[in-house]
Amino acid sequence: MGKSTHFSGQPLYCQVIKLLDKSTILRLSREYGGEHYVKRFDIWTHLVVMLYAVIMRFDSLREIMSSLQAESRKLCHLGIRLMRKHSINYKF
């Protein structure tokens, strides 16, 4: 019995990311000026991180950053190459 090409056995996050077309998302973002002031954090990375935060039900940036830093070795296959070593503490 061969392996199925369906999504069985894959995490939900992986299934959602596989449904997205990275080249189309990047093309549309650049076409409509969505990355005009962006230096490092492009639209694809932003989308992947925000989907991760929604699926994991995070409430704060600190939760997102600590979780992504803990999983930093597994982020390369998602197209996330640059992760900050520490979070910035803003003083108001």
PDB file of N, CA and C in Angstrom:
ATOM      1  N   MET A   1       0.841  -1.178   0.000  1.00  0.00           N
ATOM      2  CA  MET A   1       0.000   0.000   0.000  1.00  0.00           C
ATOM      3  C   MET A   1       0.886   1.240   0.000  1.00  0.00           C
ATOM      4  N   GLY A   2       0.750   2.100  -1.001  1.00  0.00           N
ATOM      5  CA  GLY A   2       1.570   3.294  -1.136  1.00  0.00           C
ATOM      6  C   GLY A   2       1.119   4.426  -0.233  1.00  0.00           C
ATOM      7  N   LYS A   3       1.986   5.412  -0.128  1.00  0.00           N
ATOM      8  CA  LYS A   3       1.657   6.570   0.687  1.00  0.00           C
ATOM      9  C   LYS A   3       0.638   7.440  -0.034  1.00  0.00           C
ATOM     10  N   SER A   4      -0.266   8.000   0.732  1.00  0.00           N
ATOM     11  CA  SER A   4      -1.285   8.880   0.182  1.00  0.00           C
ATOM     12  C   SER A   4      -0.707  10.276  -0.026  1.00  0.00           C
ATOM     13  N   THR A   5      -1.188  10.957  -1.038  1.00  0.00           N
ATOM     14  CA  THR A   5      -0.750  12.328  -1.281  1.00  0.00           C
ATOM     15  C   THR A   5      -1.649  13.338  -0.579  1.00  0.00           C
ATOM     16  N   HIS A   6      -2.634  12.861   0.158  1.00  0.00           N
ATOM     17  CA  HIS A   6      -3.526  13.756   0.888  1.00  0.00           C
ATOM     18  C   HIS A   6      -2.839  14.260   2.146  1.00  0.00           C
ATOM     19  N   PHE A   7      -3.515  15.115   2.898  1.00  0.00           N
ATOM     20  CA  PHE A   7      -2.920  15.786   4.035  1.00  0.00           C
ATOM     21  C   PHE A   7      -2.946  14.972   5.328  1.00  0.00           C
ATOM     22  N   SER A   8      -3.294  13.727   5.313  1.00  0.00           N
ATOM     23  CA  SER A   8      -3.396  12.969   6.556  1.00  0.00           C
ATOM     24  C   SER A   8      -2.023  12.806   7.199  1.00  0.00           C
ATOM     25  N   GLY A   9      -1.974  13.009   8.506  1.00  0.00           N
ATOM     26  CA  GLY A   9      -0.740  12.850   9.242  1.00  0.00           C
ATOM     27  C   GLY A   9       0.117  14.091   9.314  1.00  0.00           C
ATOM     28  N   GLN A  10      -0.262  15.165   8.628  1.00  0.00           N
ATOM     29  CA  GLN A  10       0.493  16.403   8.674  1.00  0.00           C
ATOM     30  C   GLN A  10      -0.159  17.369   9.650  1.00  0.00           C
ATOM     31  N   PRO A  11       0.646  18.173  10.357  1.00  0.00           N
ATOM     32  CA  PRO A  11       0.068  19.168  11.261  1.00  0.00           C
ATOM     33  C   PRO A  11      -0.787  20.182  10.505  1.00  0.00           C
ATOM     34  N   LEU A  12      -1.739  20.757  11.185  1.00  0.00           N
ATOM     35  CA  LEU A  12      -2.652  21.734  10.593  1.00  0.00           C
ATOM     36  C   LEU A  12      -1.889  22.903   9.980  1.00  0.00           C
ATOM     37  N   TYR A  13      -0.883  23.384  10.680  1.00  0.00           N
ATOM     38  CA  TYR A  13      -0.100  24.522  10.192  1.00  0.00           C
ATOM     39  C   TYR A  13       0.562  24.204   8.856  1.00  0.00           C
ATOM     40  N   CYS A  14       1.110  23.034   8.729  1.00  0.00           N
ATOM     41  CA  CYS A  14       1.752  22.608   7.484  1.00  0.00           C
ATOM     42  C   CYS A  14       0.738  22.529   6.345  1.00  0.00           C
ATOM     43  N   GLN A  15      -0.449  22.059   6.647  1.00  0.00           N
ATOM     44  CA  GLN A  15      -1.497  21.957   5.632  1.00  0.00           C
ATOM     45  C   GLN A  15      -1.908  23.330   5.117  1.00  0.00           C
ATOM     46  N   VAL A  16      -2.034  24.297   6.013  1.00  0.00           N
ATOM     47  CA  VAL A  16      -2.432  25.654   5.619  1.00  0.00           C
ATOM     48  C   VAL A  16      -1.351  26.296   4.759  1.00  0.00           C
ATOM     49  N   ILE A  17      -0.095  26.160   5.159  1.00  0.00           N
ATOM     50  CA  ILE A  17       1.016  26.754   4.408  1.00  0.00           C
ATOM     51  C   ILE A  17       1.124  26.138   3.016  1.00  0.00           C
ATOM     52  N   LYS A  18       0.870  24.847   2.886  1.00  0.00           N
ATOM     53  CA  LYS A  18       0.950  24.193   1.578  1.00  0.00           C
ATOM     54  C   LYS A  18      -0.132  24.676   0.612  1.00  0.00           C
ATOM     55  N   LEU A  19      -1.218  25.205   1.143  1.00  0.00           N
ATOM     56  CA  LEU A  19      -2.290  25.719   0.288  1.00  0.00           C
ATOM     57  C   LEU A  19      -1.959  27.085  -0.311  1.00  0.00           C
ATOM     58  N   LEU A  20      -0.979  27.772   0.250  1.00  0.00           N
ATOM     59  CA  LEU A  20      -0.604  29.107  -0.207  1.00  0.00           C
ATOM     60  C   LEU A  20       0.486  29.032  -1.265  1.00  0.00           C
ATOM     61  N   ASP A  21       0.432  29.943  -2.219  1.00  0.00           N
ATOM     62  CA  ASP A  21       1.450  30.027  -3.260  1.00  0.00           C
ATOM     63  C   ASP A  21       2.353  31.220  -2.964  1.00  0.00           C
ATOM     64  N   LYS A  22       3.575  30.937  -2.529  1.00  0.00           N
ATOM     65  CA  LYS A  22       4.498  31.986  -2.100  1.00  0.00           C
ATOM     66  C   LYS A  22       4.810  32.975  -3.213  1.00  0.00           C
ATOM     67  N   SER A  23       5.048  32.498  -4.410  1.00  0.00           N
ATOM     68  CA  SER A  23       5.421  33.394  -5.511  1.00  0.00           C
ATOM     69  C   SER A  23       4.288  34.353  -5.866  1.00  0.00           C
ATOM     70  N   THR A  24       3.053  33.878  -5.831  1.00  0.00           N
ATOM     71  CA  THR A  24       1.908  34.747  -6.120  1.00  0.00           C
ATOM     72  C   THR A  24       1.729  35.801  -5.037  1.00  0.00           C
ATOM     73  N   ILE A  25       1.879  35.410  -3.794  1.00  0.00           N
ATOM     74  CA  ILE A  25       1.729  36.352  -2.680  1.00  0.00           C
ATOM     75  C   ILE A  25       2.804  37.432  -2.751  1.00  0.00           C
ATOM     76  N   LEU A  26       4.046  37.046  -3.003  1.00  0.00           N
ATOM     77  CA  LEU A  26       5.129  38.022  -3.113  1.00  0.00           C
ATOM     78  C   LEU A  26       4.936  38.942  -4.321  1.00  0.00           C
ATOM     79  N   ARG A  27       4.501  38.380  -5.441  1.00  0.00           N
ATOM     80  CA  ARG A  27       4.290  39.185  -6.650  1.00  0.00           C
ATOM     81  C   ARG A  27       3.200  40.228  -6.432  1.00  0.00           C
ATOM     82  N   LEU A  28       2.072  39.800  -5.844  1.00  0.00           N
ATOM     83  CA  LEU A  28       0.973  40.733  -5.598  1.00  0.00           C
ATOM     84  C   LEU A  28       1.366  41.816  -4.596  1.00  0.00           C
ATOM     85  N   SER A  29       2.111  41.443  -3.593  1.00  0.00           N
ATOM     86  CA  SER A  29       2.547  42.415  -2.596  1.00  0.00           C
ATOM     87  C   SER A  29       3.447  43.474  -3.221  1.00  0.00           C
ATOM     88  N   ARG A  30       4.378  43.038  -4.053  1.00  0.00           N
ATOM     89  CA  ARG A  30       5.280  43.994  -4.699  1.00  0.00           C
ATOM     90  C   ARG A  30       4.558  44.826  -5.757  1.00  0.00           C
ATOM     91  N   GLU A  31       3.609  44.210  -6.434  1.00  0.00           N
ATOM     92  CA  GLU A  31       2.843  44.912  -7.474  1.00  0.00           C
ATOM     93  C   GLU A  31       2.023  46.057  -6.888  1.00  0.00           C
ATOM     94  N   TYR A  32       1.434  45.835  -5.723  1.00  0.00           N
ATOM     95  CA  TYR A  32       0.592  46.843  -5.097  1.00  0.00           C
ATOM     96  C   TYR A  32       1.320  47.684  -4.047  1.00  0.00           C
ATOM     97  N   GLY A  33       2.641  47.552  -3.961  1.00  0.00           N
ATOM     98  CA  GLY A  33       3.429  48.395  -3.069  1.00  0.00           C
ATOM     99  C   GLY A  33       3.357  48.005  -1.608  1.00  0.00           C
ATOM    100  N   GLY A  34       3.061  46.775  -1.321  1.00  0.00           N
ATOM    101  CA  GLY A  34       2.952  46.331   0.060  1.00  0.00           C
ATOM    102  C   GLY A  34       4.280  46.228   0.775  1.00  0.00           C
ATOM    103  N   GLU A  35       5.372  46.183   0.034  1.00  0.00           N
ATOM    104  CA  GLU A  35       6.695  46.059   0.634  1.00  0.00           C
ATOM    105  C   GLU A  35       7.564  47.259   0.289  1.00  0.00           C
ATOM    106  N   HIS A  36       6.961  48.412   0.216  1.00  0.00           N
ATOM    107  CA  HIS A  36       7.691  49.615  -0.186  1.00  0.00           C
ATOM    108  C   HIS A  36       8.792  49.984   0.810  1.00  0.00           C
ATOM    109  N   TYR A  37       8.505  49.915   2.106  1.00  0.00           N
ATOM    110  CA  TYR A  37       9.479  50.305   3.127  1.00  0.00           C
ATOM    111  C   TYR A  37      10.117  49.112   3.832  1.00  0.00           C
ATOM    112  N   VAL A  38       9.912  47.924   3.330  1.00  0.00           N
ATOM    113  CA  VAL A  38      10.400  46.716   3.992  1.00  0.00           C
ATOM    114  C   VAL A  38      11.871  46.495   3.677  1.00  0.00           C
ATOM    115  N   LYS A  39      12.643  46.180   4.730  1.00  0.00           N
ATOM    116  CA  LYS A  39      14.060  45.872   4.535  1.00  0.00           C
ATOM    117  C   LYS A  39      14.328  44.377   4.679  1.00  0.00           C
ATOM    118  N   ARG A  40      13.808  43.752   5.728  1.00  0.00           N
ATOM    119  CA  ARG A  40      14.114  42.344   5.979  1.00  0.00           C
ATOM    120  C   ARG A  40      12.883  41.462   6.145  1.00  0.00           C
ATOM    121  N   PHE A  41      11.854  41.945   6.750  1.00  0.00           N
ATOM    122  CA  PHE A  41      10.683  41.144   7.108  1.00  0.00           C
ATOM    123  C   PHE A  41       9.655  41.253   5.992  1.00  0.00           C
ATOM    124  N   ASP A  42       9.770  40.415   4.967  1.00  0.00           N
ATOM    125  CA  ASP A  42       8.897  40.515   3.801  1.00  0.00           C
ATOM    126  C   ASP A  42       7.490  39.995   4.106  1.00  0.00           C
ATOM    127  N   ILE A  43       6.607  40.129   3.141  1.00  0.00           N
ATOM    128  CA  ILE A  43       5.197  39.793   3.339  1.00  0.00           C
ATOM    129  C   ILE A  43       5.005  38.302   3.601  1.00  0.00           C
ATOM    130  N   TRP A  44       5.805  37.448   2.980  1.00  0.00           N
ATOM    131  CA  TRP A  44       5.668  36.003   3.183  1.00  0.00           C
ATOM    132  C   TRP A  44       5.996  35.633   4.634  1.00  0.00           C
ATOM    133  N   THR A  45       7.096  36.171   5.149  1.00  0.00           N
ATOM    134  CA  THR A  45       7.483  35.897   6.534  1.00  0.00           C
ATOM    135  C   THR A  45       6.419  36.413   7.490  1.00  0.00           C
ATOM    136  N   HIS A  46       5.907  37.594   7.220  1.00  0.00           N
ATOM    137  CA  HIS A  46       4.851  38.169   8.058  1.00  0.00           C
ATOM    138  C   HIS A  46       3.601  37.294   8.051  1.00  0.00           C
ATOM    139  N   LEU A  47       3.199  36.827   6.892  1.00  0.00           N
ATOM    140  CA  LEU A  47       2.023  35.969   6.775  1.00  0.00           C
ATOM    141  C   LEU A  47       2.219  34.650   7.520  1.00  0.00           C
ATOM    142  N   VAL A  48       3.382  34.037   7.362  1.00  0.00           N
ATOM    143  CA  VAL A  48       3.667  32.760   8.024  1.00  0.00           C
ATOM    144  C   VAL A  48       3.651  32.925   9.548  1.00  0.00           C
ATOM    145  N   VAL A  49       4.258  33.997  10.039  1.00  0.00           N
ATOM    146  CA  VAL A  49       4.290  34.245  11.484  1.00  0.00           C
ATOM    147  C   VAL A  49       2.895  34.536  12.021  1.00  0.00           C
ATOM    148  N   MET A  50       2.109  35.324  11.300  1.00  0.00           N
ATOM    149  CA  MET A  50       0.757  35.657  11.777  1.00  0.00           C
ATOM    150  C   MET A  50      -0.162  34.434  11.751  1.00  0.00           C
ATOM    151  N   LEU A  51      -0.045  33.592  10.745  1.00  0.00           N
ATOM    152  CA  LEU A  51      -0.827  32.348  10.723  1.00  0.00           C
ATOM    153  C   LEU A  51      -0.442  31.437  11.883  1.00  0.00           C
ATOM    154  N   TYR A  52       0.845  31.374  12.169  1.00  0.00           N
ATOM    155  CA  TYR A  52       1.334  30.589  13.302  1.00  0.00           C
ATOM    156  C   TYR A  52       0.742  31.119  14.606  1.00  0.00           C
ATOM    157  N   ALA A  53       0.729  32.436  14.758  1.00  0.00           N
ATOM    158  CA  ALA A  53       0.195  33.047  15.979  1.00  0.00           C
ATOM    159  C   ALA A  53      -1.298  32.787  16.134  1.00  0.00           C
ATOM    160  N   VAL A  54      -2.043  32.820  15.042  1.00  0.00           N
ATOM    161  CA  VAL A  54      -3.486  32.579  15.096  1.00  0.00           C
ATOM    162  C   VAL A  54      -3.777  31.114  15.429  1.00  0.00           C
ATOM    163  N   ILE A  55      -3.076  30.211  14.768  1.00  0.00           N
ATOM    164  CA  ILE A  55      -3.315  28.786  15.004  1.00  0.00           C
ATOM    165  C   ILE A  55      -2.929  28.392  16.426  1.00  0.00           C
ATOM    166  N   MET A  56      -1.835  28.971  16.940  1.00  0.00           N
ATOM    167  CA  MET A  56      -1.385  28.658  18.301  1.00  0.00           C
ATOM    168  C   MET A  56      -2.137  29.459  19.368  1.00  0.00           C
ATOM    169  N   ARG A  57      -2.997  30.387  18.944  1.00  0.00           N
ATOM    170  CA  ARG A  57      -3.820  31.223  19.835  1.00  0.00           C
ATOM    171  C   ARG A  57      -2.988  32.058  20.799  1.00  0.00           C
ATOM    172  N   PHE A  58      -1.961  32.722  20.262  1.00  0.00           N
ATOM    173  CA  PHE A  58      -1.139  33.600  21.076  1.00  0.00           C
ATOM    174  C   PHE A  58      -1.829  34.937  21.244  1.00  0.00           C
ATOM    175  N   ASP A  59      -1.565  35.588  22.372  1.00  0.00           N
ATOM    176  CA  ASP A  59      -2.193  36.868  22.673  1.00  0.00           C
ATOM    177  C   ASP A  59      -1.225  38.047  22.614  1.00  0.00           C
ATOM    178  N   SER A  60       0.058  37.790  22.630  1.00  0.00           N
ATOM    179  CA  SER A  60       1.009  38.899  22.676  1.00  0.00           C
ATOM    180  C   SER A  60       2.213  38.625  21.786  1.00  0.00           C
ATOM    181  N   LEU A  61       2.920  39.707  21.459  1.00  0.00           N
ATOM    182  CA  LEU A  61       4.139  39.577  20.665  1.00  0.00           C
ATOM    183  C   LEU A  61       5.207  38.799  21.418  1.00  0.00           C
ATOM    184  N   ARG A  62       5.229  38.945  22.722  1.00  0.00           N
ATOM    185  CA  ARG A  62       6.216  38.228  23.537  1.00  0.00           C
ATOM    186  C   ARG A  62       6.010  36.716  23.416  1.00  0.00           C
ATOM    187  N   GLU A  63       4.763  36.269  23.415  1.00  0.00           N
ATOM    188  CA  GLU A  63       4.474  34.846  23.239  1.00  0.00           C
ATOM    189  C   GLU A  63       4.912  34.355  21.863  1.00  0.00           C
ATOM    190  N   ILE A  64       4.630  35.160  20.849  1.00  0.00           N
ATOM    191  CA  ILE A  64       5.009  34.787  19.485  1.00  0.00           C
ATOM    192  C   ILE A  64       6.520  34.685  19.365  1.00  0.00           C
ATOM    193  N   MET A  65       7.233  35.699  19.858  1.00  0.00           N
ATOM    194  CA  MET A  65       8.689  35.713  19.754  1.00  0.00           C
ATOM    195  C   MET A  65       9.332  34.565  20.525  1.00  0.00           C
ATOM    196  N   SER A  66       8.870  34.303  21.738  1.00  0.00           N
ATOM    197  CA  SER A  66       9.484  33.233  22.519  1.00  0.00           C
ATOM    198  C   SER A  66       9.226  31.868  21.882  1.00  0.00           C
ATOM    199  N   SER A  67       8.054  31.676  21.317  1.00  0.00           N
ATOM    200  CA  SER A  67       7.748  30.411  20.666  1.00  0.00           C
ATOM    201  C   SER A  67       8.567  30.239  19.386  1.00  0.00           C
ATOM    202  N   LEU A  68       8.685  31.285  18.593  1.00  0.00           N
ATOM    203  CA  LEU A  68       9.465  31.207  17.361  1.00  0.00           C
ATOM    204  C   LEU A  68      10.951  31.025  17.652  1.00  0.00           C
ATOM    205  N   GLN A  69      11.445  31.644  18.721  1.00  0.00           N
ATOM    206  CA  GLN A  69      12.848  31.459  19.084  1.00  0.00           C
ATOM    207  C   GLN A  69      13.100  30.030  19.539  1.00  0.00           C
ATOM    208  N   ALA A  70      12.128  29.443  20.224  1.00  0.00           N
ATOM    209  CA  ALA A  70      12.280  28.058  20.661  1.00  0.00           C
ATOM    210  C   ALA A  70      12.278  27.098  19.470  1.00  0.00           C
ATOM    211  N   GLU A  71      11.576  27.465  18.412  1.00  0.00           N
ATOM    212  CA  GLU A  71      11.469  26.628  17.208  1.00  0.00           C
ATOM    213  C   GLU A  71      12.360  27.129  16.072  1.00  0.00           C
ATOM    214  N   SER A  72      13.379  27.906  16.381  1.00  0.00           N
ATOM    215  CA  SER A  72      14.164  28.585  15.342  1.00  0.00           C
ATOM    216  C   SER A  72      14.850  27.621  14.370  1.00  0.00           C
ATOM    217  N   ARG A  73      15.219  26.439  14.801  1.00  0.00           N
ATOM    218  CA  ARG A  73      15.868  25.485  13.895  1.00  0.00           C
ATOM    219  C   ARG A  73      14.900  24.881  12.889  1.00  0.00           C
ATOM    220  N   LYS A  74      13.616  24.971  13.170  1.00  0.00           N
ATOM    221  CA  LYS A  74      12.612  24.374  12.289  1.00  0.00           C
ATOM    222  C   LYS A  74      11.998  25.392  11.326  1.00  0.00           C
ATOM    223  N   LEU A  75      12.456  26.630  11.365  1.00  0.00           N
ATOM    224  CA  LEU A  75      11.830  27.688  10.574  1.00  0.00           C
ATOM    225  C   LEU A  75      12.367  27.806   9.156  1.00  0.00           C
ATOM    226  N   CYS A  76      13.505  27.228   8.885  1.00  0.00           N
ATOM    227  CA  CYS A  76      14.126  27.367   7.562  1.00  0.00           C
ATOM    228  C   CYS A  76      13.238  26.825   6.444  1.00  0.00           C
ATOM    229  N   HIS A  77      12.554  25.717   6.685  1.00  0.00           N
ATOM    230  CA  HIS A  77      11.725  25.127   5.633  1.00  0.00           C
ATOM    231  C   HIS A  77      10.486  25.963   5.337  1.00  0.00           C
ATOM    232  N   LEU A  78      10.154  26.918   6.212  1.00  0.00           N
ATOM    233  CA  LEU A  78       9.014  27.808   5.968  1.00  0.00           C
ATOM    234  C   LEU A  78       9.419  29.077   5.240  1.00  0.00           C
ATOM    235  N   GLY A  79      10.700  29.256   5.028  1.00  0.00           N
ATOM    236  CA  GLY A  79      11.168  30.460   4.358  1.00  0.00           C
ATOM    237  C   GLY A  79      11.513  31.575   5.310  1.00  0.00           C
ATOM    238  N   ILE A  80      11.583  31.296   6.607  1.00  0.00           N
ATOM    239  CA  ILE A  80      11.962  32.302   7.586  1.00  0.00           C
ATOM    240  C   ILE A  80      13.446  32.129   7.849  1.00  0.00           C
ATOM    241  N   ARG A  81      14.222  33.086   7.412  1.00  0.00           N
ATOM    242  CA  ARG A  81      15.673  32.977   7.536  1.00  0.00           C
ATOM    243  C   ARG A  81      16.212  33.842   8.667  1.00  0.00           C
ATOM    244  N   LEU A  82      15.572  34.947   8.961  1.00  0.00           N
ATOM    245  CA  LEU A  82      16.100  35.903   9.916  1.00  0.00           C
ATOM    246  C   LEU A  82      15.193  35.985  11.135  1.00  0.00           C
ATOM    247  N   MET A  83      15.721  35.605  12.273  1.00  0.00           N
ATOM    248  CA  MET A  83      14.980  35.759  13.532  1.00  0.00           C
ATOM    249  C   MET A  83      15.857  36.553  14.485  1.00  0.00           C
ATOM    250  N   ARG A  84      15.254  37.471  15.198  1.00  0.00           N
ATOM    251  CA  ARG A  84      15.989  38.277  16.168  1.00  0.00           C
ATOM    252  C   ARG A  84      16.430  37.403  17.336  1.00  0.00           C
ATOM    253  N   LYS A  85      17.579  37.712  17.882  1.00  0.00           N
ATOM    254  CA  LYS A  85      18.106  36.960  19.015  1.00  0.00           C
ATOM    255  C   LYS A  85      17.388  37.307  20.315  1.00  0.00           C
ATOM    256  N   HIS A  86      16.901  38.523  20.406  1.00  0.00           N
ATOM    257  CA  HIS A  86      16.193  38.955  21.607  1.00  0.00           C
ATOM    258  C   HIS A  86      15.118  39.945  21.199  1.00  0.00           C
ATOM    259  N   SER A  87      14.145  40.088  22.044  1.00  0.00           N
ATOM    260  CA  SER A  87      13.079  41.038  21.742  1.00  0.00           C
ATOM    261  C   SER A  87      13.489  42.430  22.230  1.00  0.00           C
ATOM    262  N   ILE A  88      12.947  43.435  21.617  1.00  0.00           N
ATOM    263  CA  ILE A  88      13.254  44.817  21.974  1.00  0.00           C
ATOM    264  C   ILE A  88      12.292  45.246  23.071  1.00  0.00           C
ATOM    265  N   ASN A  89      12.823  45.837  24.115  1.00  0.00           N
ATOM    266  CA  ASN A  89      11.985  46.354  25.190  1.00  0.00           C
ATOM    267  C   ASN A  89      11.742  47.828  24.932  1.00  0.00           C
ATOM    268  N   TYR A  90      10.507  48.182  24.697  1.00  0.00           N
ATOM    269  CA  TYR A  90      10.150  49.558  24.457  1.00  0.00           C
ATOM    270  C   TYR A  90       9.731  50.210  25.766  1.00  0.00           C
ATOM    271  N   LYS A  91      10.212  51.419  25.998  1.00  0.00           N
ATOM    272  CA  LYS A  91       9.842  52.174  27.197  1.00  0.00           C
ATOM    273  C   LYS A  91       8.964  53.335  26.760  1.00  0.00           C
ATOM    274  N   PHE A  92       7.828  53.473  27.391  1.00  0.00           N
ATOM    275  CA  PHE A  92       6.909  54.554  27.044  1.00  0.00           C
ATOM    276  C   PHE A  92       6.955  55.636  28.084  1.00  0.00           C
TER     277      PHE A  92
END
